């Protein structure tokens, strides 16, 4: 089963500027793309998820992170892995099969 990976990143941009860039990118529909990253965030946190168009996938990777000022930039710490639904699905499925 997939597990969450700890991620620790540094950006030279301040948190407010990262939040504005994230908002601008998420507002672009990217109609010609087969897949893209969806998400939202503020200057304090972000949640991003990869998805292919027209395909529901609870096991798709999700990046859940906190942002905090660090020097002149931003430290981004979080986890990358399946969403909560994706982590629970194997247990639910095995429970169902055991009935």
N, C-alpha and C. Protein backbone atom coordinates (compact mmCIF):
# COMPACT_ATOMS: atom_id res chain seq x y z
N UNK A 1 0.84 -1.18 0.00
CA UNK A 1 0.00 0.00 0.00
C UNK A 1 0.88 1.24 0.00
N UNK A 2 0.39 2.25 -0.69
CA UNK A 2 1.16 3.49 -0.80
C UNK A 2 1.17 4.21 0.54
N UNK A 3 2.27 4.89 0.79
CA UNK A 3 2.38 5.63 2.04
C UNK A 3 2.66 7.10 1.76
N UNK A 4 2.48 7.90 2.76
CA UNK A 4 2.75 9.33 2.66
C UNK A 4 4.25 9.56 2.76
N UNK A 5 4.76 10.45 1.93
CA UNK A 5 6.17 10.84 1.96
C UNK A 5 6.27 12.25 2.51
N UNK A 6 7.19 12.47 3.42
CA UNK A 6 7.42 13.81 3.96
C UNK A 6 8.19 14.65 2.94
N UNK A 7 7.75 15.88 2.75
CA UNK A 7 8.37 16.80 1.80
C UNK A 7 8.77 18.06 2.55
N UNK A 8 9.97 18.56 2.29
CA UNK A 8 10.45 19.80 2.89
C UNK A 8 11.10 20.61 1.78
N UNK A 9 10.47 21.72 1.40
CA UNK A 9 10.93 22.55 0.28
C UNK A 9 11.22 23.97 0.75
N UNK A 10 12.04 24.68 -0.01
CA UNK A 10 12.29 26.10 0.24
C UNK A 10 12.05 26.85 -1.06
N UNK A 11 11.31 27.95 -0.98
CA UNK A 11 11.09 28.82 -2.13
C UNK A 11 11.67 30.19 -1.82
N UNK A 12 12.31 30.83 -2.79
CA UNK A 12 12.83 32.18 -2.55
C UNK A 12 11.72 33.23 -2.51
N UNK A 13 10.49 32.86 -2.88
CA UNK A 13 9.36 33.80 -2.87
C UNK A 13 8.72 33.85 -1.50
N UNK A 14 8.19 35.00 -1.09
CA UNK A 14 7.47 35.08 0.18
C UNK A 14 6.12 34.34 0.07
N UNK A 15 5.54 33.92 1.21
CA UNK A 15 4.30 33.14 1.19
C UNK A 15 3.15 33.81 0.43
N UNK A 16 2.99 35.12 0.57
CA UNK A 16 1.90 35.83 -0.10
C UNK A 16 2.04 35.74 -1.61
N UNK A 17 3.26 35.85 -2.11
CA UNK A 17 3.49 35.77 -3.55
C UNK A 17 3.23 34.35 -4.06
N UNK A 18 3.61 33.34 -3.30
CA UNK A 18 3.32 31.95 -3.68
C UNK A 18 1.81 31.74 -3.75
N UNK A 19 1.06 32.26 -2.77
CA UNK A 19 -0.40 32.11 -2.75
C UNK A 19 -1.03 32.78 -3.97
N UNK A 20 -0.54 33.95 -4.36
CA UNK A 20 -1.09 34.63 -5.54
C UNK A 20 -0.79 33.85 -6.81
N UNK A 21 0.44 33.31 -6.93
CA UNK A 21 0.79 32.51 -8.11
C UNK A 21 -0.05 31.24 -8.18
N UNK A 22 -0.22 30.59 -7.03
CA UNK A 22 -1.03 29.37 -6.97
C UNK A 22 -2.46 29.67 -7.40
N UNK A 23 -3.03 30.76 -6.91
CA UNK A 23 -4.40 31.14 -7.27
C UNK A 23 -4.51 31.40 -8.77
N UNK A 24 -3.54 32.11 -9.35
CA UNK A 24 -3.57 32.42 -10.78
C UNK A 24 -3.50 31.14 -11.62
N UNK A 25 -2.64 30.21 -11.22
CA UNK A 25 -2.49 28.95 -11.96
C UNK A 25 -3.75 28.09 -11.82
N UNK A 26 -4.32 28.02 -10.63
CA UNK A 26 -5.51 27.20 -10.41
C UNK A 26 -6.73 27.77 -11.14
N UNK A 27 -6.76 29.08 -11.39
CA UNK A 27 -7.87 29.70 -12.12
C UNK A 27 -7.79 29.48 -13.63
N UNK A 28 -6.64 29.04 -14.13
CA UNK A 28 -6.47 28.77 -15.56
C UNK A 28 -7.08 27.39 -15.85
N UNK A 29 -8.11 27.30 -16.69
CA UNK A 29 -8.77 26.01 -16.93
C UNK A 29 -7.91 24.98 -17.68
N UNK A 30 -6.87 25.44 -18.38
CA UNK A 30 -5.98 24.54 -19.13
C UNK A 30 -6.78 23.49 -19.91
N UNK A 31 -7.72 23.96 -20.72
CA UNK A 31 -8.63 23.08 -21.45
C UNK A 31 -7.95 22.07 -22.36
N UNK A 32 -6.78 22.40 -22.87
CA UNK A 32 -6.10 21.50 -23.80
C UNK A 32 -5.23 20.45 -23.10
N UNK A 33 -5.12 20.50 -21.78
CA UNK A 33 -4.27 19.56 -21.04
C UNK A 33 -5.02 18.26 -20.76
N UNK A 34 -4.32 17.12 -20.92
CA UNK A 34 -4.91 15.82 -20.61
C UNK A 34 -5.00 15.60 -19.10
N UNK A 35 -4.08 16.19 -18.37
CA UNK A 35 -4.04 16.06 -16.91
C UNK A 35 -3.50 17.37 -16.35
N UNK A 36 -3.76 17.58 -15.08
CA UNK A 36 -3.25 18.79 -14.45
C UNK A 36 -3.30 18.67 -12.94
N UNK A 37 -2.76 19.66 -12.27
CA UNK A 37 -2.79 19.73 -10.82
C UNK A 37 -3.93 20.67 -10.43
N UNK A 38 -4.79 20.20 -9.53
CA UNK A 38 -5.88 21.00 -9.00
C UNK A 38 -5.57 21.32 -7.55
N UNK A 39 -6.12 22.38 -7.03
CA UNK A 39 -5.90 22.64 -5.62
C UNK A 39 -6.27 24.04 -5.22
N UNK A 40 -5.89 24.35 -4.00
CA UNK A 40 -6.12 25.67 -3.46
C UNK A 40 -5.15 25.91 -2.32
N UNK A 41 -5.17 27.10 -1.82
CA UNK A 41 -4.28 27.41 -0.72
C UNK A 41 -4.33 28.87 -0.33
N UNK A 42 -3.64 29.16 0.74
CA UNK A 42 -3.49 30.52 1.24
C UNK A 42 -2.00 30.73 1.47
N UNK A 43 -1.65 31.84 2.09
CA UNK A 43 -0.23 32.06 2.39
C UNK A 43 0.22 31.17 3.55
N UNK A 44 -0.69 30.42 4.16
CA UNK A 44 -0.36 29.55 5.28
C UNK A 44 -0.36 28.06 4.93
N UNK A 45 -1.15 27.66 3.93
CA UNK A 45 -1.25 26.24 3.59
C UNK A 45 -1.66 26.06 2.14
N UNK A 46 -1.43 24.85 1.63
CA UNK A 46 -1.86 24.51 0.28
C UNK A 46 -2.21 23.04 0.22
N UNK A 47 -3.11 22.70 -0.69
CA UNK A 47 -3.48 21.32 -0.94
C UNK A 47 -3.58 21.17 -2.46
N UNK A 48 -2.75 20.30 -3.03
CA UNK A 48 -2.70 20.10 -4.47
C UNK A 48 -2.96 18.63 -4.78
N UNK A 49 -3.63 18.38 -5.90
CA UNK A 49 -3.95 17.01 -6.29
C UNK A 49 -3.80 16.87 -7.80
N UNK A 50 -3.19 15.80 -8.22
CA UNK A 50 -3.01 15.51 -9.65
C UNK A 50 -4.23 14.74 -10.15
N UNK A 51 -4.74 15.08 -11.31
CA UNK A 51 -5.88 14.36 -11.87
C UNK A 51 -5.84 14.40 -13.38
N UNK A 52 -6.28 13.29 -13.99
CA UNK A 52 -6.47 13.23 -15.44
C UNK A 52 -7.92 13.60 -15.72
N UNK A 53 -8.15 14.30 -16.81
CA UNK A 53 -9.50 14.73 -17.16
C UNK A 53 -10.39 13.51 -17.44
N UNK A 54 -11.61 13.56 -16.91
CA UNK A 54 -12.59 12.52 -17.16
C UNK A 54 -12.33 11.22 -16.42
N UNK A 55 -11.41 11.21 -15.47
CA UNK A 55 -11.08 10.00 -14.73
C UNK A 55 -11.11 10.29 -13.24
N UNK A 56 -11.97 9.56 -12.53
CA UNK A 56 -11.99 9.68 -11.07
C UNK A 56 -10.99 8.69 -10.49
N UNK A 57 -10.11 9.16 -9.62
CA UNK A 57 -9.09 8.29 -9.05
C UNK A 57 -8.79 8.72 -7.62
N UNK A 58 -9.36 7.98 -6.66
CA UNK A 58 -9.13 8.32 -5.25
C UNK A 58 -7.69 8.04 -4.84
N UNK A 59 -6.96 7.26 -5.63
CA UNK A 59 -5.58 6.94 -5.30
C UNK A 59 -4.60 7.97 -5.87
N UNK A 60 -5.11 9.00 -6.54
CA UNK A 60 -4.24 10.03 -7.12
C UNK A 60 -3.44 10.71 -6.02
N UNK A 61 -2.19 11.05 -6.30
CA UNK A 61 -1.36 11.70 -5.29
C UNK A 61 -1.92 13.06 -4.87
N UNK A 62 -1.71 13.38 -3.60
CA UNK A 62 -2.16 14.65 -3.04
C UNK A 62 -1.01 15.24 -2.22
N UNK A 63 -0.78 16.53 -2.40
CA UNK A 63 0.25 17.24 -1.64
C UNK A 63 -0.45 18.17 -0.67
N UNK A 64 -0.26 17.94 0.60
CA UNK A 64 -0.87 18.75 1.66
C UNK A 64 0.26 19.38 2.45
N UNK A 65 0.35 20.72 2.43
CA UNK A 65 1.52 21.38 3.01
C UNK A 65 1.18 22.65 3.77
N UNK A 66 2.07 22.99 4.68
CA UNK A 66 2.01 24.25 5.41
C UNK A 66 3.15 25.14 4.91
N UNK A 67 2.90 26.44 4.86
CA UNK A 67 3.92 27.38 4.43
C UNK A 67 4.20 28.36 5.56
N UNK A 68 5.47 28.64 5.78
CA UNK A 68 5.86 29.61 6.80
C UNK A 68 7.04 30.43 6.30
N UNK A 69 7.08 31.70 6.65
CA UNK A 69 8.22 32.53 6.24
C UNK A 69 9.52 31.93 6.75
N UNK A 70 10.55 32.00 5.91
CA UNK A 70 11.87 31.49 6.28
C UNK A 70 12.90 32.40 5.62
N UNK A 71 13.49 33.27 6.40
CA UNK A 71 14.42 34.25 5.84
C UNK A 71 13.64 35.17 4.91
N UNK A 72 14.13 35.33 3.68
CA UNK A 72 13.44 36.16 2.70
C UNK A 72 12.47 35.35 1.85
N UNK A 73 12.40 34.04 2.08
CA UNK A 73 11.56 33.16 1.28
C UNK A 73 10.53 32.44 2.14
N UNK A 74 10.25 31.20 1.73
CA UNK A 74 9.21 30.41 2.38
C UNK A 74 9.66 28.97 2.53
N UNK A 75 9.40 28.40 3.68
CA UNK A 75 9.62 26.97 3.89
C UNK A 75 8.26 26.28 3.74
N UNK A 76 8.22 25.25 2.89
CA UNK A 76 7.00 24.50 2.61
C UNK A 76 7.22 23.09 3.12
N UNK A 77 6.44 22.66 4.11
CA UNK A 77 6.57 21.32 4.66
C UNK A 77 5.23 20.62 4.57
N UNK A 78 5.25 19.38 4.15
CA UNK A 78 4.00 18.65 4.03
C UNK A 78 4.23 17.20 3.68
N UNK A 79 3.17 16.58 3.18
CA UNK A 79 3.22 15.18 2.79
C UNK A 79 2.69 15.01 1.38
N UNK A 80 3.23 14.02 0.70
CA UNK A 80 2.80 13.67 -0.65
C UNK A 80 2.43 12.20 -0.64
N UNK A 81 1.24 11.90 -1.11
CA UNK A 81 0.79 10.52 -1.16
C UNK A 81 -0.68 10.46 -1.50
N UNK A 82 -1.28 9.27 -1.40
CA UNK A 82 -2.70 9.14 -1.71
C UNK A 82 -3.54 9.97 -0.74
N UNK A 83 -4.72 10.38 -1.20
CA UNK A 83 -5.63 11.13 -0.34
C UNK A 83 -6.13 10.22 0.78
N UNK A 84 -6.87 10.80 1.72
CA UNK A 84 -7.42 10.00 2.82
C UNK A 84 -8.31 8.88 2.28
N UNK A 85 -9.12 9.18 1.28
CA UNK A 85 -9.98 8.15 0.68
C UNK A 85 -9.12 7.05 0.05
N UNK A 86 -8.03 7.45 -0.58
CA UNK A 86 -7.14 6.47 -1.21
C UNK A 86 -6.43 5.59 -0.20
N UNK A 87 -6.11 6.14 0.97
CA UNK A 87 -5.46 5.35 2.01
C UNK A 87 -6.44 4.40 2.69
N UNK A 88 -7.71 4.80 2.80
CA UNK A 88 -8.70 3.96 3.46
C UNK A 88 -9.28 2.88 2.56
N UNK A 89 -9.31 3.12 1.25
CA UNK A 89 -9.96 2.20 0.32
C UNK A 89 -9.47 0.75 0.46
N UNK A 90 -8.17 0.47 0.50
CA UNK A 90 -7.74 -0.93 0.61
C UNK A 90 -8.29 -1.62 1.86
N UNK A 91 -8.35 -0.92 2.97
CA UNK A 91 -8.88 -1.52 4.20
C UNK A 91 -10.38 -1.81 4.07
N UNK A 92 -11.11 -0.86 3.50
CA UNK A 92 -12.55 -1.05 3.30
C UNK A 92 -12.80 -2.20 2.34
N UNK A 93 -12.01 -2.25 1.25
CA UNK A 93 -12.18 -3.30 0.26
C UNK A 93 -11.89 -4.68 0.87
N UNK A 94 -10.82 -4.80 1.62
CA UNK A 94 -10.50 -6.09 2.25
C UNK A 94 -11.56 -6.46 3.28
N UNK A 95 -12.10 -5.48 4.01
CA UNK A 95 -13.18 -5.75 4.95
C UNK A 95 -14.41 -6.25 4.24
N UNK A 96 -14.73 -5.64 3.11
CA UNK A 96 -15.90 -6.07 2.31
C UNK A 96 -15.69 -7.49 1.80
N UNK A 97 -14.50 -7.78 1.30
CA UNK A 97 -14.23 -9.12 0.76
C UNK A 97 -14.25 -10.19 1.85
N UNK A 98 -13.89 -9.82 3.07
CA UNK A 98 -13.86 -10.81 4.14
C UNK A 98 -15.25 -11.19 4.62
N UNK A 99 -16.26 -10.37 4.27
CA UNK A 99 -17.65 -10.71 4.65
C UNK A 99 -18.10 -11.90 3.86
